[in-house]
Amino acid sequence: MLKNENGSAVWFSSELSGDFHRTVTSPQVVKNSVENLAVSCEELPQQPPESCEKVKNLPRIVSGFATRHGGVSTLAHLSDLNFGFSVGEERATTLENYRRFSAALEIPYSAMLCANQTHTARVLTVDRTYCGMGLDRTFAEVLSGTADADAAESGFDGFVTRESGVALVVRAADCVPILFWDPTNHVIGACHAGWRGTVGGIAAETVRKMCALGAAPETIFAAIGPAVCLDCYEVDDAFYETFSAALGTAVCEKIFAKSPAYENRDKWHCDLRLCNALLLEAAGLLPGHIDNSALCTCCHPEMFHSHRYAVKYHGGKRGLGCGCVAMME
């Protein structure tokens, strides 16, 4: 595990086996050094330039997902890196976790903003004036007077921007966090895809909103973060029917399974990560541009916060993890 000077766990790539690092996806000086939390050009999930020397005036894009280690949370169900504000700890403690996380990314804490997640398929377009939203500024304060003012209460689960100096944060504890970037057209996005958001098409909606800002599907990259896996995500027949009606049998045949190996062999299990990958391909993303994590939050509660694991073993008490994508000058 790679750590920065303050001990915070940093970013991972699902293409590596258990190693954690941040992912940098723009031309820049890259030091192949653990101490500097950097990766070589060959590890970047895009076609890198022939030289890794910094290209003047081009923004750098940094993206990744947090573990639950390296923070200051002390409650047993949160220890020690929690990003949720309604899970039992002082807000000041949670905010310090965000500060440590941003330091690990080497981006300003002041650039961060959070989604007001209510399991919708709504995606907002934001800019620098939204920075601090959900952290040091309330949703109502930031969204008042905008076309999306109602989202302060009704919520939204994704956002996109083409402005640098903005770091988009989505939180999850089994749901699917997805980070997006278009290094060609300099547009980024992020969304939280629970099952409602997934079946509602939030992944494709994020792509659509990015394209409205000048991105193109064929140049967009997506990182699907740690989430509950097929084996751990047991669902009922009504859940299956909802997905079948919305997405069709062809998709459902790929993402649903029953098995004698499961505790309840007659219950459906669903792969939300694969579902979102398929929906991103349908939205025009190239398969090679979609990085789908192999890590399950429920299988690895020592590494990630998991709602399903917490319900089964800890009375439902748990924290929240997060993913962040930032475009910085």
C-alpha atoms as a PDB file:
ATOM      1  CA  MET A   1       0.000   0.000   0.000  1.00  0.00           C
ATOM      2  CA  LEU A   2       1.333   3.408  -0.929  1.00  0.00           C
ATOM      3  CA  LYS A   3       0.970   6.206   1.593  1.00  0.00           C
ATOM      4  CA  ASN A   4       1.751   9.865   1.622  1.00  0.00           C
ATOM      5  CA  GLU A   5       3.597  11.709   4.368  1.00  0.00           C
ATOM      6  CA  ASN A   6       0.526  12.039   6.614  1.00  0.00           C
ATOM      7  CA  GLY A   7      -0.241   8.342   6.324  1.00  0.00           C
ATOM      8  CA  SER A   8      -3.412   8.573   4.253  1.00  0.00           C
ATOM      9  CA  ALA A   9      -4.126   5.664   1.971  1.00  0.00           C
ATOM     10  CA  VAL A  10      -4.203   6.813  -1.608  1.00  0.00           C
ATOM     11  CA  TRP A  11      -5.575   5.724  -4.936  1.00  0.00           C
ATOM     12  CA  PHE A  12      -5.835   2.353  -6.518  1.00  0.00           C
ATOM     13  CA  SER A  13      -6.038   0.989 -10.009  1.00  0.00           C
ATOM     14  CA  SER A  14      -8.031  -2.197 -10.434  1.00  0.00           C
ATOM     15  CA  GLU A  15      -5.476  -3.330 -13.005  1.00  0.00           C
ATOM     16  CA  LEU A  16      -2.954  -3.783 -10.203  1.00  0.00           C
ATOM     17  CA  SER A  17      -3.160  -6.575  -7.659  1.00  0.00           C
ATOM     18  CA  GLY A  18      -3.771  -4.876  -4.352  1.00  0.00           C
ATOM     19  CA  ASP A  19      -1.455  -1.932  -4.894  1.00  0.00           C
ATOM     20  CA  PHE A  20      -2.778   1.503  -4.133  1.00  0.00           C
ATOM     21  CA  HIS A  21      -1.836   4.656  -5.941  1.00  0.00           C
ATOM     22  CA  ARG A  22      -3.338   7.672  -7.533  1.00  0.00           C
ATOM     23  CA  THR A  23      -3.922   7.789 -11.247  1.00  0.00           C
ATOM     24  CA  VAL A  24      -2.694  10.817 -13.187  1.00  0.00           C
ATOM     25  CA  THR A  25      -4.012  11.155 -16.705  1.00  0.00           C
ATOM     26  CA  SER A  26      -2.416  14.179 -18.279  1.00  0.00           C
ATOM     27  CA  PRO A  27       1.011  15.056 -19.664  1.00  0.00           C
ATOM     28  CA  GLN A  28       3.248  15.877 -16.724  1.00  0.00           C
ATOM     29  CA  VAL A  29       6.544  15.098 -15.064  1.00  0.00           C
ATOM     30  CA  VAL A  30       6.116  11.607 -13.587  1.00  0.00           C
ATOM     31  CA  LYS A  31       8.530  10.304 -10.983  1.00  0.00           C
ATOM     32  CA  ASN A  32       8.516   6.519 -10.746  1.00  0.00           C
ATOM     33  CA  SER A  33       8.722   6.668  -6.975  1.00  0.00           C
ATOM     34  CA  VAL A  34       6.554   5.273  -4.201  1.00  0.00           C
ATOM     35  CA  GLU A  35       7.509   8.147  -1.929  1.00  0.00           C
ATOM     36  CA  ASN A  36       6.121  10.653  -4.440  1.00  0.00           C
ATOM     37  CA  LEU A  37       2.907   8.663  -4.987  1.00  0.00           C
ATOM     38  CA  ALA A  38       3.392   8.722  -8.708  1.00  0.00           C
ATOM     39  CA  VAL A  39       3.164   6.123 -11.420  1.00  0.00           C
ATOM     40  CA  SER A  40       5.050   5.565 -14.619  1.00  0.00           C
ATOM     41  CA  CYS A  41       3.591   6.599 -17.941  1.00  0.00           C
ATOM     42  CA  GLU A  42       2.915   2.960 -18.800  1.00  0.00           C
ATOM     43  CA  GLU A  43       0.457   2.724 -15.892  1.00  0.00           C
ATOM     44  CA  LEU A  44      -1.752   5.573 -17.032  1.00  0.00           C
ATOM     45  CA  PRO A  45      -5.176   4.427 -18.309  1.00  0.00           C
ATOM     46  CA  GLN A  46      -4.907   6.403 -21.544  1.00  0.00           C
ATOM     47  CA  GLN A  47      -2.499   6.804 -24.427  1.00  0.00           C
ATOM     48  CA  PRO A  48       0.278   8.903 -22.878  1.00  0.00           C
ATOM     49  CA  PRO A  49       2.339  11.399 -24.853  1.00  0.00           C
ATOM     50  CA  GLU A  50       5.747  10.290 -26.096  1.00  0.00           C
ATOM     51  CA  SER A  51       7.301  12.477 -23.408  1.00  0.00           C
ATOM     52  CA  CYS A  52       6.033  12.780 -19.852  1.00  0.00           C
ATOM     53  CA  GLU A  53       7.354  16.313 -19.582  1.00  0.00           C
ATOM     54  CA  LYS A  54       4.667  18.781 -18.516  1.00  0.00           C
ATOM     55  CA  VAL A  55       2.866  20.344 -21.445  1.00  0.00           C
ATOM     56  CA  LYS A  56       2.270  23.996 -20.793  1.00  0.00           C
ATOM     57  CA  ASN A  57      -1.319  25.161 -20.271  1.00  0.00           C
ATOM     58  CA  LEU A  58      -2.824  21.651 -20.312  1.00  0.00           C
ATOM     59  CA  PRO A  59      -4.662  20.626 -17.137  1.00  0.00           C
ATOM     60  CA  ARG A  60      -3.723  17.482 -15.272  1.00  0.00           C
ATOM     61  CA  ILE A  61      -6.444  15.046 -14.346  1.00  0.00           C
ATOM     62  CA  VAL A  62      -6.144  13.032 -11.136  1.00  0.00           C
ATOM     63  CA  SER A  63      -8.618  10.322 -10.185  1.00  0.00           C
ATOM     64  CA  GLY A  64      -8.962   7.508  -7.701  1.00  0.00           C
ATOM     65  CA  PHE A  65     -10.796   5.825  -4.837  1.00  0.00           C
ATOM     66  CA  ALA A  66     -10.087   5.856  -1.120  1.00  0.00           C
ATOM     67  CA  THR A  67      -9.572   2.940   1.201  1.00  0.00           C
ATOM     68  CA  ARG A  68     -10.821   3.230   4.787  1.00  0.00           C
ATOM     69  CA  HIS A  69      -7.291   3.789   6.135  1.00  0.00           C
ATOM     70  CA  GLY A  70      -5.234   6.894   6.846  1.00  0.00           C
ATOM     71  CA  GLY A  71      -7.884   9.141   8.380  1.00  0.00           C
ATOM     72  CA  VAL A  72      -8.728  10.415  11.850  1.00  0.00           C
ATOM     73  CA  SER A  73     -12.056   8.666  12.518  1.00  0.00           C
ATOM     74  CA  THR A  74     -11.918   6.765  15.814  1.00  0.00           C
ATOM     75  CA  LEU A  75     -15.350   5.144  16.186  1.00  0.00           C
ATOM     76  CA  ALA A  76     -15.085   1.409  15.552  1.00  0.00           C
ATOM     77  CA  HIS A  77     -17.519   1.355  12.617  1.00  0.00           C
ATOM     78  CA  LEU A  78     -15.821   4.343  10.962  1.00  0.00           C
ATOM     79  CA  SER A  79     -12.159   3.778  11.698  1.00  0.00           C
ATOM     80  CA  ASP A  80     -10.270   5.335  10.348  1.00  0.00           C
ATOM     81  CA  LEU A  81     -11.144   7.112   7.103  1.00  0.00           C
ATOM     82  CA  ASN A  82     -14.842   7.960   6.781  1.00  0.00           C
ATOM     83  CA  PHE A  83     -16.433  10.457   4.361  1.00  0.00           C
ATOM     84  CA  GLY A  84     -20.060  10.337   5.519  1.00  0.00           C
ATOM     85  CA  PHE A  85     -21.571  13.182   7.547  1.00  0.00           C
ATOM     86  CA  SER A  86     -24.522  11.316   9.058  1.00  0.00           C
ATOM     87  CA  VAL A  87     -22.896   8.172  10.398  1.00  0.00           C
ATOM     88  CA  GLY A  88     -22.139   9.163  13.968  1.00  0.00           C
ATOM     89  CA  GLU A  89     -19.026  11.304  14.153  1.00  0.00           C
ATOM     90  CA  GLU A  90     -18.322  15.017  14.574  1.00  0.00           C
ATOM     91  CA  ARG A  91     -18.424  16.922  11.311  1.00  0.00           C
ATOM     92  CA  ALA A  92     -15.014  18.456  12.006  1.00  0.00           C
ATOM     93  CA  THR A  93     -13.506  14.975  12.149  1.00  0.00           C
ATOM     94  CA  THR A  94     -15.015  14.000   8.810  1.00  0.00           C
ATOM     95  CA  LEU A  95     -13.829  17.218   7.206  1.00  0.00           C
ATOM     96  CA  GLU A  96     -10.298  16.467   8.373  1.00  0.00           C
ATOM     97  CA  ASN A  97     -10.552  13.174   6.509  1.00  0.00           C
ATOM     98  CA  TYR A  98     -11.358  15.105   3.331  1.00  0.00           C
ATOM     99  CA  ARG A  99      -8.359  17.349   3.935  1.00  0.00           C
ATOM    100  CA  ARG A 100      -6.073  14.368   4.308  1.00  0.00           C
ATOM    101  CA  PHE A 101      -7.523  12.762   1.230  1.00  0.00           C
ATOM    102  CA  SER A 102      -7.011  15.883  -0.864  1.00  0.00           C
ATOM    103  CA  ALA A 103      -3.441  16.123   0.423  1.00  0.00           C
ATOM    104  CA  ALA A 104      -2.836  12.549  -0.737  1.00  0.00           C
ATOM    105  CA  LEU A 105      -4.092  13.562  -4.171  1.00  0.00           C
ATOM    106  CA  GLU A 106      -1.989  16.720  -4.060  1.00  0.00           C
ATOM    107  CA  ILE A 107      -5.004  18.891  -4.848  1.00  0.00           C
ATOM    108  CA  PRO A 108      -6.421  21.766  -2.776  1.00  0.00           C
ATOM    109  CA  TYR A 109      -9.096  20.794  -0.282  1.00  0.00           C
ATOM    110  CA  SER A 110     -10.894  23.984  -1.340  1.00  0.00           C
ATOM    111  CA  ALA A 111     -11.401  22.516  -4.846  1.00  0.00           C
ATOM    112  CA  MET A 112     -13.566  19.662  -3.576  1.00  0.00           C
ATOM    113  CA  LEU A 113     -17.349  19.459  -3.857  1.00  0.00           C
ATOM    114  CA  CYS A 114     -19.746  16.622  -3.097  1.00  0.00           C
ATOM    115  CA  ALA A 115     -22.917  15.299  -4.673  1.00  0.00           C
ATOM    116  CA  ASN A 116     -26.181  15.434  -2.716  1.00  0.00           C
ATOM    117  CA  GLN A 117     -26.776  11.718  -3.142  1.00  0.00           C
ATOM    118  CA  THR A 118     -30.365  10.466  -2.991  1.00  0.00           C
ATOM    119  CA  HIS A 119     -30.196   7.535  -5.461  1.00  0.00           C
ATOM    120  CA  THR A 120     -31.372   9.570  -8.434  1.00  0.00           C
ATOM    121  CA  ALA A 121     -30.190   9.543 -12.047  1.00  0.00           C
ATOM    122  CA  ARG A 122     -29.759  13.322 -12.017  1.00  0.00           C
ATOM    123  CA  VAL A 123     -26.463  14.868 -13.128  1.00  0.00           C
ATOM    124  CA  LEU A 124     -25.554  18.542 -12.630  1.00  0.00           C
ATOM    125  CA  THR A 125     -23.155  20.717 -14.597  1.00  0.00           C
ATOM    126  CA  VAL A 126     -20.885  22.606 -12.188  1.00  0.00           C
ATOM    127  CA  ASP A 127     -17.988  25.046 -12.192  1.00  0.00           C
ATOM    128  CA  ARG A 128     -15.578  26.661  -9.733  1.00  0.00           C
ATOM    129  CA  THR A 129     -18.366  28.606  -8.039  1.00  0.00           C
ATOM    130  CA  TYR A 130     -19.649  25.268  -6.710  1.00  0.00           C
ATOM    131  CA  CYS A 131     -16.407  24.377  -4.897  1.00  0.00           C
ATOM    132  CA  GLY A 132     -16.958  23.572  -1.227  1.00  0.00           C
ATOM    133  CA  MET A 133     -20.533  22.387  -1.851  1.00  0.00           C
ATOM    134  CA  GLY A 134     -21.511  19.719   0.638  1.00  0.00           C
ATOM    135  CA  LEU A 135     -18.403  20.398   2.722  1.00  0.00           C
ATOM    136  CA  ASP A 136     -17.924  23.961   3.972  1.00  0.00           C
ATOM    137  CA  ARG A 137     -20.975  25.248   2.067  1.00  0.00           C
ATOM    138  CA  THR A 138     -24.489  23.835   2.140  1.00  0.00           C
ATOM    139  CA  PHE A 139     -26.240  22.568  -0.971  1.00  0.00           C
ATOM    140  CA  ALA A 140     -28.933  25.211  -0.520  1.00  0.00           C
ATOM    141  CA  GLU A 141     -26.345  27.979  -0.288  1.00  0.00           C
ATOM    142  CA  VAL A 142     -24.594  26.940  -3.489  1.00  0.00           C
ATOM    143  CA  LEU A 143     -27.598  25.930  -5.581  1.00  0.00           C
ATOM    144  CA  SER A 144     -29.914  28.801  -4.616  1.00  0.00           C
ATOM    145  CA  GLY A 145     -30.728  30.904  -7.654  1.00  0.00           C
ATOM    146  CA  THR A 146     -29.491  28.309 -10.142  1.00  0.00           C
ATOM    147  CA  ALA A 147     -31.530  26.216 -12.550  1.00  0.00           C
ATOM    148  CA  ASP A 148     -30.893  23.265 -10.235  1.00  0.00           C
ATOM    149  CA  ALA A 149     -32.024  24.919  -6.998  1.00  0.00           C
ATOM    150  CA  ASP A 150     -34.478  22.097  -6.271  1.00  0.00           C
ATOM    151  CA  ALA A 151     -31.565  19.627  -6.150  1.00  0.00           C
ATOM    152  CA  ALA A 152     -30.646  21.044  -2.747  1.00  0.00           C
ATOM    153  CA  GLU A 153     -33.511  18.960  -1.378  1.00  0.00           C
ATOM    154  CA  SER A 154     -34.385  16.434  -4.091  1.00  0.00           C
ATOM    155  CA  GLY A 155     -30.732  15.577  -4.605  1.00  0.00           C
ATOM    156  CA  PHE A 156     -28.473  14.601  -7.468  1.00  0.00           C
ATOM    157  CA  ASP A 157     -25.996  11.761  -7.840  1.00  0.00           C
ATOM    158  CA  GLY A 158     -23.600  12.973 -10.495  1.00  0.00           C
ATOM    159  CA  PHE A 159     -21.910  16.053 -11.862  1.00  0.00           C
ATOM    160  CA  VAL A 160     -19.687  17.151 -14.721  1.00  0.00           C
ATOM    161  CA  THR A 161     -17.414  20.107 -15.427  1.00  0.00           C
ATOM    162  CA  ARG A 162     -15.022  21.480 -18.010  1.00  0.00           C
ATOM    163  CA  GLU A 163     -13.389  23.928 -15.586  1.00  0.00           C
ATOM    164  CA  SER A 164     -10.048  23.244 -13.957  1.00  0.00           C
ATOM    165  CA  GLY A 165      -9.690  23.753 -10.222  1.00  0.00           C
ATOM    166  CA  VAL A 166     -12.706  21.535  -9.517  1.00  0.00           C
ATOM    167  CA  ALA A 167     -12.572  18.171  -7.718  1.00  0.00           C
ATOM    168  CA  LEU A 168     -15.733  16.041  -7.948  1.00  0.00           C
ATOM    169  CA  VAL A 169     -16.412  13.679  -5.020  1.00  0.00           C
ATOM    170  CA  VAL A 170     -18.945  10.839  -4.864  1.00  0.00           C
ATOM    171  CA  ARG A 171     -19.411   8.557  -1.847  1.00  0.00           C
ATOM    172  CA  ALA A 172     -20.370   4.897  -1.580  1.00  0.00           C
ATOM    173  CA  ALA A 173     -20.445   1.846   0.684  1.00  0.00           C
ATOM    174  CA  ASP A 174     -21.358  -0.958  -1.767  1.00  0.00           C
ATOM    175  CA  CYS A 175     -22.970   1.216  -4.461  1.00  0.00           C
ATOM    176  CA  VAL A 176     -20.930   1.861  -7.605  1.00  0.00           C
ATOM    177  CA  PRO A 177     -18.805   5.021  -7.773  1.00  0.00           C
ATOM    178  CA  ILE A 178     -17.775   5.927 -11.327  1.00  0.00           C
ATOM    179  CA  LEU A 179     -15.202   8.544 -12.315  1.00  0.00           C
ATOM    180  CA  PHE A 180     -14.942   9.933 -15.850  1.00  0.00           C
ATOM    181  CA  TRP A 181     -12.396  11.993 -17.732  1.00  0.00           C
ATOM    182  CA  ASP A 182     -11.854  13.075 -21.317  1.00  0.00           C
ATOM    183  CA  PRO A 183      -8.156  14.039 -21.571  1.00  0.00           C
ATOM    184  CA  THR A 184      -8.610  15.128 -25.187  1.00  0.00           C
ATOM    185  CA  ASN A 185     -11.421  17.620 -24.615  1.00  0.00           C
ATOM    186  CA  HIS A 186     -10.713  18.382 -20.941  1.00  0.00           C
ATOM    187  CA  VAL A 187     -14.028  17.407 -19.369  1.00  0.00           C
ATOM    188  CA  ILE A 188     -14.496  15.335 -16.209  1.00  0.00           C
ATOM    189  CA  GLY A 189     -17.449  13.752 -14.425  1.00  0.00           C
ATOM    190  CA  ALA A 190     -18.402  11.546 -11.515  1.00  0.00           C
ATOM    191  CA  CYS A 191     -21.510   9.664 -10.452  1.00  0.00           C
ATOM    192  CA  HIS A 192     -22.840   7.456  -7.675  1.00  0.00           C
ATOM    193  CA  ALA A 193     -24.721   4.506  -9.168  1.00  0.00           C
ATOM    194  CA  GLY A 194     -26.797   2.633  -6.640  1.00  0.00           C
ATOM    195  CA  TRP A 195     -29.252   0.151  -8.088  1.00  0.00           C
ATOM    196  CA  ARG A 196     -31.828   2.896  -8.667  1.00  0.00           C
ATOM    197  CA  GLY A 197     -29.299   5.130 -10.366  1.00  0.00           C
ATOM    198  CA  THR A 198     -27.979   2.212 -12.393  1.00  0.00           C
ATOM    199  CA  VAL A 199     -31.367   1.148 -13.715  1.00  0.00           C
ATOM    200  CA  GLY A 200     -32.234   4.823 -14.210  1.00  0.00           C
ATOM    201  CA  GLY A 201     -29.219   5.281 -16.501  1.00  0.00           C
ATOM    202  CA  ILE A 202     -27.045   7.663 -14.503  1.00  0.00           C
ATOM    203  CA  ALA A 203     -23.836   6.383 -16.138  1.00  0.00           C
ATOM    204  CA  ALA A 204     -25.107   7.212 -19.634  1.00  0.00           C
ATOM    205  CA  GLU A 205     -26.563  10.493 -18.377  1.00  0.00           C
ATOM    206  CA  THR A 206     -23.134  11.500 -17.076  1.00  0.00           C
ATOM    207  CA  VAL A 207     -21.647  10.736 -20.501  1.00  0.00           C
ATOM    208  CA  ARG A 208     -24.397  12.778 -22.164  1.00  0.00           C
ATOM    209  CA  LYS A 209     -23.773  15.754 -19.895  1.00  0.00           C
ATOM    210  CA  MET A 210     -20.013  15.520 -20.539  1.00  0.00           C
ATOM    211  CA  CYS A 211     -20.634  15.508 -24.291  1.00  0.00           C
ATOM    212  CA  ALA A 212     -22.779  18.626 -23.922  1.00  0.00           C
ATOM    213  CA  LEU A 213     -19.613  20.288 -22.589  1.00  0.00           C
ATOM    214  CA  GLY A 214     -17.523  19.187 -25.572  1.00  0.00           C
ATOM    215  CA  ALA A 215     -16.441  15.655 -24.663  1.00  0.00           C
ATOM    216  CA  ALA A 216     -16.766  12.738 -27.074  1.00  0.00           C
ATOM    217  CA  PRO A 217     -17.722   9.173 -26.085  1.00  0.00           C
ATOM    218  CA  GLU A 218     -14.733   7.671 -27.862  1.00  0.00           C
ATOM    219  CA  THR A 219     -12.279   9.826 -25.896  1.00  0.00           C
ATOM    220  CA  ILE A 220     -13.924   9.421 -22.482  1.00  0.00           C
ATOM    221  CA  PHE A 221     -12.324   7.110 -19.914  1.00  0.00           C
ATOM    222  CA  ALA A 222     -14.252   5.676 -16.966  1.00  0.00           C
ATOM    223  CA  ALA A 223     -13.083   4.060 -13.744  1.00  0.00           C
ATOM    224  CA  ILE A 224     -15.663   1.885 -11.991  1.00  0.00           C
ATOM    225  CA  GLY A 225     -14.621   1.737  -8.364  1.00  0.00           C
ATOM    226  CA  PRO A 226     -14.868  -0.875  -5.607  1.00  0.00           C
ATOM    227  CA  ALA A 227     -18.466  -1.973  -5.038  1.00  0.00           C
ATOM    228  CA  VAL A 228     -20.461  -4.994  -3.922  1.00  0.00           C
ATOM    229  CA  CYS A 229     -19.787  -8.013  -6.146  1.00  0.00           C
ATOM    230  CA  LEU A 230     -22.118 -10.498  -7.798  1.00  0.00           C
ATOM    231  CA  ASP A 231     -21.624 -13.124  -5.088  1.00  0.00           C
ATOM    232  CA  CYS A 232     -22.416 -10.705  -2.241  1.00  0.00           C
ATOM    233  CA  TYR A 233     -25.351  -8.873  -3.820  1.00  0.00           C
ATOM    234  CA  GLU A 234     -28.443 -11.009  -3.278  1.00  0.00           C
ATOM    235  CA  VAL A 235     -31.703  -9.498  -4.600  1.00  0.00           C
ATOM    236  CA  ASP A 236     -35.334 -10.541  -4.946  1.00  0.00           C
ATOM    237  CA  ASP A 237     -37.538 -11.297  -7.947  1.00  0.00           C
ATOM    238  CA  ALA A 238     -39.029  -7.785  -7.973  1.00  0.00           C
ATOM    239  CA  PHE A 239     -35.514  -6.354  -8.324  1.00  0.00           C
ATOM    240  CA  TYR A 240     -34.845  -8.651 -11.282  1.00  0.00           C
ATOM    241  CA  GLU A 241     -38.124  -7.686 -12.936  1.00  0.00           C
ATOM    242  CA  THR A 242     -37.338  -3.982 -12.531  1.00  0.00           C
ATOM    243  CA  PHE A 243     -34.013  -4.393 -14.321  1.00  0.00           C
ATOM    244  CA  SER A 244     -35.494  -6.668 -16.972  1.00  0.00           C
ATOM    245  CA  ALA A 245     -38.233  -4.151 -17.797  1.00  0.00           C
ATOM    246  CA  ALA A 246     -35.778  -1.248 -18.000  1.00  0.00           C
ATOM    247  CA  LEU A 247     -32.698  -2.832 -19.564  1.00  0.00           C
ATOM    248  CA  GLY A 248     -33.959  -5.917 -21.395  1.00  0.00           C
ATOM    249  CA  THR A 249     -33.234  -9.611 -21.103  1.00  0.00           C
ATOM    250  CA  ALA A 250     -29.936  -9.458 -23.029  1.00  0.00           C
ATOM    251  CA  VAL A 251     -28.341  -7.292 -20.325  1.00  0.00           C
ATOM    252  CA  CYS A 252     -29.965  -9.214 -17.489  1.00  0.00           C
ATOM    253  CA  GLU A 253     -28.610 -12.517 -18.788  1.00  0.00           C
ATOM    254  CA  LYS A 254     -25.107 -11.098 -18.302  1.00  0.00           C
ATOM    255  CA  ILE A 255     -25.514  -9.444 -14.903  1.00  0.00           C
ATOM    256  CA  PHE A 256     -27.838 -11.797 -12.971  1.00  0.00           C
ATOM    257  CA  ALA A 257     -27.108 -15.297 -11.710  1.00  0.00           C
ATOM    258  CA  LYS A 258     -28.394 -18.026  -9.405  1.00  0.00           C
ATOM    259  CA  SER A 259     -26.094 -20.708  -8.058  1.00  0.00           C
ATOM    260  CA  PRO A 260     -26.176 -23.755  -5.768  1.00  0.00           C
ATOM    261  CA  ALA A 261     -23.054 -22.272  -4.199  1.00  0.00           C
ATOM    262  CA  TYR A 262     -25.018 -19.337  -2.796  1.00  0.00           C
ATOM    263  CA  GLU A 263     -26.550 -19.446   0.666  1.00  0.00           C
ATOM    264  CA  ASN A 264     -29.990 -19.036  -0.910  1.00  0.00           C
ATOM    265  CA  ARG A 265     -29.653 -20.947  -4.162  1.00  0.00           C
ATOM    266  CA  ASP A 266     -33.018 -19.760  -5.495  1.00  0.00           C
ATOM    267  CA  LYS A 267     -32.246 -16.059  -5.009  1.00  0.00           C
ATOM    268  CA  TRP A 268     -30.957 -13.823  -7.779  1.00  0.00           C
ATOM    269  CA  HIS A 269     -27.575 -12.157  -7.471  1.00  0.00           C
ATOM    270  CA  CYS A 270     -26.704  -9.026  -9.453  1.00  0.00           C
ATOM    271  CA  ASP A 271     -23.411  -7.590 -10.726  1.00  0.00           C
ATOM    272  CA  LEU A 272     -23.931  -3.815 -10.644  1.00  0.00           C
ATOM    273  CA  ARG A 273     -20.367  -3.084 -11.725  1.00  0.00           C
ATOM    274  CA  LEU A 274     -20.693  -5.158 -14.869  1.00  0.00           C
ATOM    275  CA  CYS A 275     -24.104  -3.637 -15.540  1.00  0.00           C
ATOM    276  CA  ASN A 276     -22.656  -0.131 -15.490  1.00  0.00           C
ATOM    277  CA  ALA A 277     -19.760  -1.205 -17.718  1.00  0.00           C
ATOM    278  CA  LEU A 278     -22.225  -2.563 -20.273  1.00  0.00           C
ATOM    279  CA  LEU A 279     -24.304   0.609 -20.100  1.00  0.00           C
ATOM    280  CA  LEU A 280     -21.185   2.719 -20.645  1.00  0.00           C
ATOM    281  CA  GLU A 281     -20.313   0.699 -23.735  1.00  0.00           C
ATOM    282  CA  ALA A 282     -23.866   1.241 -24.990  1.00  0.00           C
ATOM    283  CA  ALA A 283     -23.334   4.973 -24.407  1.00  0.00           C
ATOM    284  CA  GLY A 284     -20.355   4.904 -26.779  1.00  0.00           C
ATOM    285  CA  LEU A 285     -17.326   4.362 -24.543  1.00  0.00           C
ATOM    286  CA  LEU A 286     -14.659   2.045 -25.911  1.00  0.00           C
ATOM    287  CA  PRO A 287     -14.346  -1.183 -23.890  1.00  0.00           C
ATOM    288  CA  GLY A 288     -10.636  -0.522 -23.430  1.00  0.00           C
ATOM    289  CA  HIS A 289     -11.447   2.840 -21.855  1.00  0.00           C
ATOM    290  CA  ILE A 290     -13.485   1.303 -19.022  1.00  0.00           C
ATOM    291  CA  ASP A 291     -11.520   0.188 -15.958  1.00  0.00           C
ATOM    292  CA  ASN A 292     -13.761  -2.057 -13.835  1.00  0.00           C
ATOM    293  CA  SER A 293     -12.496  -2.736 -10.333  1.00  0.00           C
ATOM    294  CA  ALA A 294     -12.204  -6.347  -9.281  1.00  0.00           C
ATOM    295  CA  LEU A 295     -12.444  -5.441  -5.581  1.00  0.00           C
ATOM    296  CA  CYS A 296     -15.654  -6.050  -3.640  1.00  0.00           C
ATOM    297  CA  THR A 297     -16.424  -3.737  -0.738  1.00  0.00           C
ATOM    298  CA  CYS A 298     -18.370  -6.469   1.075  1.00  0.00           C
ATOM    299  CA  CYS A 299     -15.644  -9.090   0.635  1.00  0.00           C
ATOM    300  CA  HIS A 300     -13.025  -6.663   1.961  1.00  0.00           C
ATOM    301  CA  PRO A 301     -14.566  -4.819   4.945  1.00  0.00           C
ATOM    302  CA  GLU A 302     -11.068  -4.303   6.345  1.00  0.00           C
ATOM    303  CA  MET A 303     -10.290  -2.212   3.287  1.00  0.00           C
ATOM    304  CA  PHE A 304     -13.600  -0.520   2.399  1.00  0.00           C
ATOM    305  CA  HIS A 305     -16.842   0.522   4.068  1.00  0.00           C
ATOM    306  CA  SER A 306     -19.677  -1.871   3.194  1.00  0.00           C
ATOM    307  CA  HIS A 307     -23.379  -1.502   3.933  1.00  0.00           C
ATOM    308  CA  ARG A 308     -24.204  -5.166   3.365  1.00  0.00           C
ATOM    309  CA  TYR A 309     -21.393  -6.375   5.589  1.00  0.00           C
ATOM    310  CA  ALA A 310     -22.372  -3.890   8.290  1.00  0.00           C
ATOM    311  CA  VAL A 311     -26.030  -4.967   8.236  1.00  0.00           C
ATOM    312  CA  LYS A 312     -25.005  -8.608   8.618  1.00  0.00           C
ATOM    313  CA  TYR A 313     -22.357  -8.186  11.301  1.00  0.00           C
ATOM    314  CA  HIS A 314     -22.508  -4.721  12.887  1.00  0.00           C
ATOM    315  CA  GLY A 315     -26.158  -3.742  13.127  1.00  0.00           C
ATOM    316  CA  GLY A 316     -25.899  -1.579  10.030  1.00  0.00           C
ATOM    317  CA  LYS A 317     -23.301   0.813  11.450  1.00  0.00           C
ATOM    318  CA  ARG A 318     -20.695   1.793   8.876  1.00  0.00           C
ATOM    319  CA  GLY A 319     -18.996   4.730   7.199  1.00  0.00           C
ATOM    320  CA  LEU A 320     -18.688   5.856   3.611  1.00  0.00           C
ATOM    321  CA  GLY A 321     -15.836   5.634   1.160  1.00  0.00           C
ATOM    322  CA  CYS A 322     -15.367   7.946  -1.781  1.00  0.00           C
ATOM    323  CA  GLY A 323     -13.970   8.480  -5.236  1.00  0.00           C
ATOM    324  CA  CYS A 324     -12.651  11.755  -6.581  1.00  0.00           C
ATOM    325  CA  VAL A 325     -11.712  13.089 -10.006  1.00  0.00           C
ATOM    326  CA  ALA A 326     -10.086  16.481 -10.360  1.00  0.00           C
ATOM    327  CA  MET A 327      -8.858  18.646 -13.214  1.00  0.00           C
ATOM    328  CA  MET A 328      -6.133  21.005 -12.062  1.00  0.00           C
ATOM    329  CA  GLU A 329      -3.963  23.551 -13.832  1.00  0.00           C
END
